[in-house]
Amino acid sequence: MGYGKLIAFAGGALATGVLNVASKSPRVRGAMVNCVAKGMQFKAEADEALQNIKDDAEDVCADARYEARVKAAMDARRAEVEERIRAEVEAQMAEEAALAEAALAAEEAAAK
């Protein structure tokens, strides 16, 4: 055991004895009760503030999760629509290319 721990132990024991003797006085006892009451009130207010912060953080997190789900659903729907449109455009282009080839073939046959 180091000297620091021994000094801390002795200081704690001395403080306990002094507080015990001082608490016999009504003025000191009243002051100590008021200090403890203020400490308890402060702790209750701090706990309430911490709970409010936690609630706000949970709300923000839930909103972010909701927004992420909405964005993912919108992205999936856009991809689906884009794929359908792309297929339609490619089919139209293939049809136009076939018509153009047929017209070219008809022109070549007429030119012969």
C-alpha atoms as a PDB file:
ATOM      1  CA  MET A   1       0.000   0.000   0.000  1.00  0.00           C
ATOM      2  CA  GLY A   2       1.485   3.349  -1.064  1.00  0.00           C
ATOM      3  CA  TYR A   3       1.589   6.497   0.986  1.00  0.00           C
ATOM      4  CA  GLY A   4      -0.974   8.151  -1.308  1.00  0.00           C
ATOM      5  CA  LYS A   5      -3.590   5.518  -0.502  1.00  0.00           C
ATOM      6  CA  LEU A   6      -2.777   5.718   3.198  1.00  0.00           C
ATOM      7  CA  ILE A   7      -3.135   9.506   3.172  1.00  0.00           C
ATOM      8  CA  ALA A   8      -6.441   9.264   1.271  1.00  0.00           C
ATOM      9  CA  PHE A   9      -7.748   6.728   3.802  1.00  0.00           C
ATOM     10  CA  ALA A  10      -6.710   8.866   6.744  1.00  0.00           C
ATOM     11  CA  GLY A  11      -8.214  11.993   5.126  1.00  0.00           C
ATOM     12  CA  GLY A  12     -11.507  10.170   4.534  1.00  0.00           C
ATOM     13  CA  ALA A  13     -11.636   8.941   8.105  1.00  0.00           C
ATOM     14  CA  LEU A  14     -10.832  12.420   9.433  1.00  0.00           C
ATOM     15  CA  ALA A  15     -13.478  14.051   7.190  1.00  0.00           C
ATOM     16  CA  THR A  16     -16.072  11.531   8.371  1.00  0.00           C
ATOM     17  CA  GLY A  17     -15.295  12.320  12.008  1.00  0.00           C
ATOM     18  CA  VAL A  18     -15.418  16.074  11.420  1.00  0.00           C
ATOM     19  CA  LEU A  19     -18.741  15.826   9.552  1.00  0.00           C
ATOM     20  CA  ASN A  20     -20.175  13.617  12.287  1.00  0.00           C
ATOM     21  CA  VAL A  21     -19.300  16.158  14.969  1.00  0.00           C
ATOM     22  CA  ALA A  22     -20.403  19.116  12.805  1.00  0.00           C
ATOM     23  CA  SER A  23     -23.753  17.489  12.000  1.00  0.00           C
ATOM     24  CA  LYS A  24     -24.745  17.785  15.675  1.00  0.00           C
ATOM     25  CA  SER A  25     -25.132  21.554  15.203  1.00  0.00           C
ATOM     26  CA  PRO A  26     -28.614  22.470  13.875  1.00  0.00           C
ATOM     27  CA  ARG A  27     -27.248  25.152  11.495  1.00  0.00           C
ATOM     28  CA  VAL A  28     -24.640  22.831   9.997  1.00  0.00           C
ATOM     29  CA  ARG A  29     -27.164  20.007   9.776  1.00  0.00           C
ATOM     30  CA  GLY A  30     -29.650  22.280   8.003  1.00  0.00           C
ATOM     31  CA  ALA A  31     -26.962  23.426   5.562  1.00  0.00           C
ATOM     32  CA  MET A  32     -25.961  19.814   4.869  1.00  0.00           C
ATOM     33  CA  VAL A  33     -29.602  18.804   4.284  1.00  0.00           C
ATOM     34  CA  ASN A  34     -30.040  21.749   1.905  1.00  0.00           C
ATOM     35  CA  CYS A  35     -26.868  20.791   0.022  1.00  0.00           C
ATOM     36  CA  VAL A  36     -28.013  17.186  -0.330  1.00  0.00           C
ATOM     37  CA  ALA A  37     -31.488  18.329  -1.448  1.00  0.00           C
ATOM     38  CA  LYS A  38     -29.957  20.654  -4.069  1.00  0.00           C
ATOM     39  CA  GLY A  39     -27.718  17.820  -5.234  1.00  0.00           C
ATOM     40  CA  MET A  40     -30.705  15.493  -5.576  1.00  0.00           C
ATOM     41  CA  GLN A  41     -32.653  18.181  -7.453  1.00  0.00           C
ATOM     42  CA  PHE A  42     -29.683  18.775  -9.765  1.00  0.00           C
ATOM     43  CA  LYS A  43     -29.390  15.029 -10.418  1.00  0.00           C
ATOM     44  CA  ALA A  44     -33.105  14.776 -11.234  1.00  0.00           C
ATOM     45  CA  GLU A  45     -32.851  17.715 -13.658  1.00  0.00           C
ATOM     46  CA  ALA A  46     -29.731  16.220 -15.252  1.00  0.00           C
ATOM     47  CA  ASP A  47     -31.473  12.842 -15.639  1.00  0.00           C
ATOM     48  CA  GLU A  48     -34.466  14.548 -17.266  1.00  0.00           C
ATOM     49  CA  ALA A  49     -32.224  16.502 -19.649  1.00  0.00           C
ATOM     50  CA  LEU A  50     -30.323  13.339 -20.533  1.00  0.00           C
ATOM     51  CA  GLN A  51     -33.580  11.482 -21.204  1.00  0.00           C
ATOM     52  CA  ASN A  52     -34.737  14.328 -23.463  1.00  0.00           C
ATOM     53  CA  ILE A  53     -31.464  14.141 -25.380  1.00  0.00           C
ATOM     54  CA  LYS A  54     -31.844  10.370 -25.746  1.00  0.00           C
ATOM     55  CA  ASP A  55     -35.435  10.749 -26.962  1.00  0.00           C
ATOM     56  CA  ASP A  56     -34.411  13.387 -29.491  1.00  0.00           C
ATOM     57  CA  ALA A  57     -31.548  11.205 -30.721  1.00  0.00           C
ATOM     58  CA  GLU A  58     -33.900   8.232 -31.111  1.00  0.00           C
ATOM     59  CA  ASP A  59     -36.326  10.413 -33.084  1.00  0.00           C
ATOM     60  CA  VAL A  60     -33.559  11.631 -35.381  1.00  0.00           C
ATOM     61  CA  CYS A  61     -32.333   8.072 -35.868  1.00  0.00           C
ATOM     62  CA  ALA A  62     -35.845   6.803 -36.649  1.00  0.00           C
ATOM     63  CA  ASP A  63     -36.358   9.647 -39.132  1.00  0.00           C
ATOM     64  CA  ALA A  64     -33.060   8.838 -40.820  1.00  0.00           C
ATOM     65  CA  ARG A  65     -33.984   5.138 -41.084  1.00  0.00           C
ATOM     66  CA  TYR A  66     -37.375   6.080 -42.556  1.00  0.00           C
ATOM     67  CA  GLU A  67     -35.781   8.438 -45.083  1.00  0.00           C
ATOM     68  CA  ALA A  68     -33.273   5.737 -46.062  1.00  0.00           C
ATOM     69  CA  ARG A  69     -36.103   3.227 -46.631  1.00  0.00           C
ATOM     70  CA  VAL A  70     -38.046   5.758 -48.714  1.00  0.00           C
ATOM     71  CA  LYS A  71     -34.953   6.594 -50.778  1.00  0.00           C
ATOM     72  CA  ALA A  72     -34.201   2.910 -51.356  1.00  0.00           C
ATOM     73  CA  ALA A  73     -37.792   2.270 -52.462  1.00  0.00           C
ATOM     74  CA  MET A  74     -37.723   5.279 -54.801  1.00  0.00           C
ATOM     75  CA  ASP A  75     -34.379   4.190 -56.267  1.00  0.00           C
ATOM     76  CA  ALA A  76     -35.693   0.668 -56.842  1.00  0.00           C
ATOM     77  CA  ARG A  77     -38.856   2.014 -58.510  1.00  0.00           C
ATOM     78  CA  ARG A  78     -36.812   4.384 -60.703  1.00  0.00           C
ATOM     79  CA  ALA A  79     -34.553   1.533 -61.774  1.00  0.00           C
ATOM     80  CA  GLU A  80     -37.599  -0.593 -62.624  1.00  0.00           C
ATOM     81  CA  VAL A  81     -39.230   2.192 -64.676  1.00  0.00           C
ATOM     82  CA  GLU A  82     -35.943   3.045 -66.372  1.00  0.00           C
ATOM     83  CA  GLU A  83     -35.428  -0.588 -67.390  1.00  0.00           C
ATOM     84  CA  ARG A  84     -38.970  -0.796 -68.797  1.00  0.00           C
ATOM     85  CA  ILE A  85     -38.552   2.441 -70.753  1.00  0.00           C
ATOM     86  CA  ARG A  86     -35.161   1.339 -72.040  1.00  0.00           C
ATOM     87  CA  ALA A  87     -36.661  -1.925 -73.307  1.00  0.00           C
ATOM     88  CA  GLU A  88     -39.502  -0.041 -75.042  1.00  0.00           C
ATOM     89  CA  VAL A  89     -37.087   2.418 -76.691  1.00  0.00           C
ATOM     90  CA  GLU A  90     -34.791  -0.387 -77.839  1.00  0.00           C
ATOM     91  CA  ALA A  91     -37.781  -2.239 -79.313  1.00  0.00           C
ATOM     92  CA  GLN A  92     -38.912   0.917 -81.152  1.00  0.00           C
ATOM     93  CA  MET A  93     -35.388   1.521 -82.442  1.00  0.00           C
ATOM     94  CA  ALA A  94     -35.122  -2.091 -83.634  1.00  0.00           C
ATOM     95  CA  GLU A  95     -38.488  -1.735 -85.388  1.00  0.00           C
ATOM     96  CA  GLU A  96     -37.411   1.531 -87.049  1.00  0.00           C
ATOM     97  CA  ALA A  97     -34.111  -0.048 -88.099  1.00  0.00           C
ATOM     98  CA  ALA A  98     -35.983  -2.999 -89.621  1.00  0.00           C
ATOM     99  CA  LEU A  99     -38.324  -0.604 -91.483  1.00  0.00           C
ATOM    100  CA  ALA A 100     -35.344   1.416 -92.702  1.00  0.00           C
ATOM    101  CA  GLU A 101     -33.588  -1.754 -93.925  1.00  0.00           C
ATOM    102  CA  ALA A 102     -36.769  -2.894 -95.652  1.00  0.00           C
ATOM    103  CA  ALA A 103     -37.146   0.520 -97.333  1.00  0.00           C
ATOM    104  CA  LEU A 104     -33.513   0.452 -98.416  1.00  0.00           C
ATOM    105  CA  ALA A 105     -33.909  -3.064 -99.763  1.00  0.00           C
ATOM    106  CA  ALA A 106     -37.035  -1.972-101.658  1.00  0.00           C
ATOM    107  CA  GLU A 107     -35.191   1.021-103.137  1.00  0.00           C
ATOM    108  CA  GLU A 108     -32.314  -1.209-104.211  1.00  0.00           C
ATOM    109  CA  ALA A 109     -34.728  -3.706-105.792  1.00  0.00           C
ATOM    110  CA  ALA A 110     -36.553  -0.903-107.607  1.00  0.00           C
ATOM    111  CA  ALA A 111     -33.258   0.532-108.832  1.00  0.00           C
ATOM    112  CA  LYS A 112     -32.262  -2.798-110.451  1.00  0.00           C
END
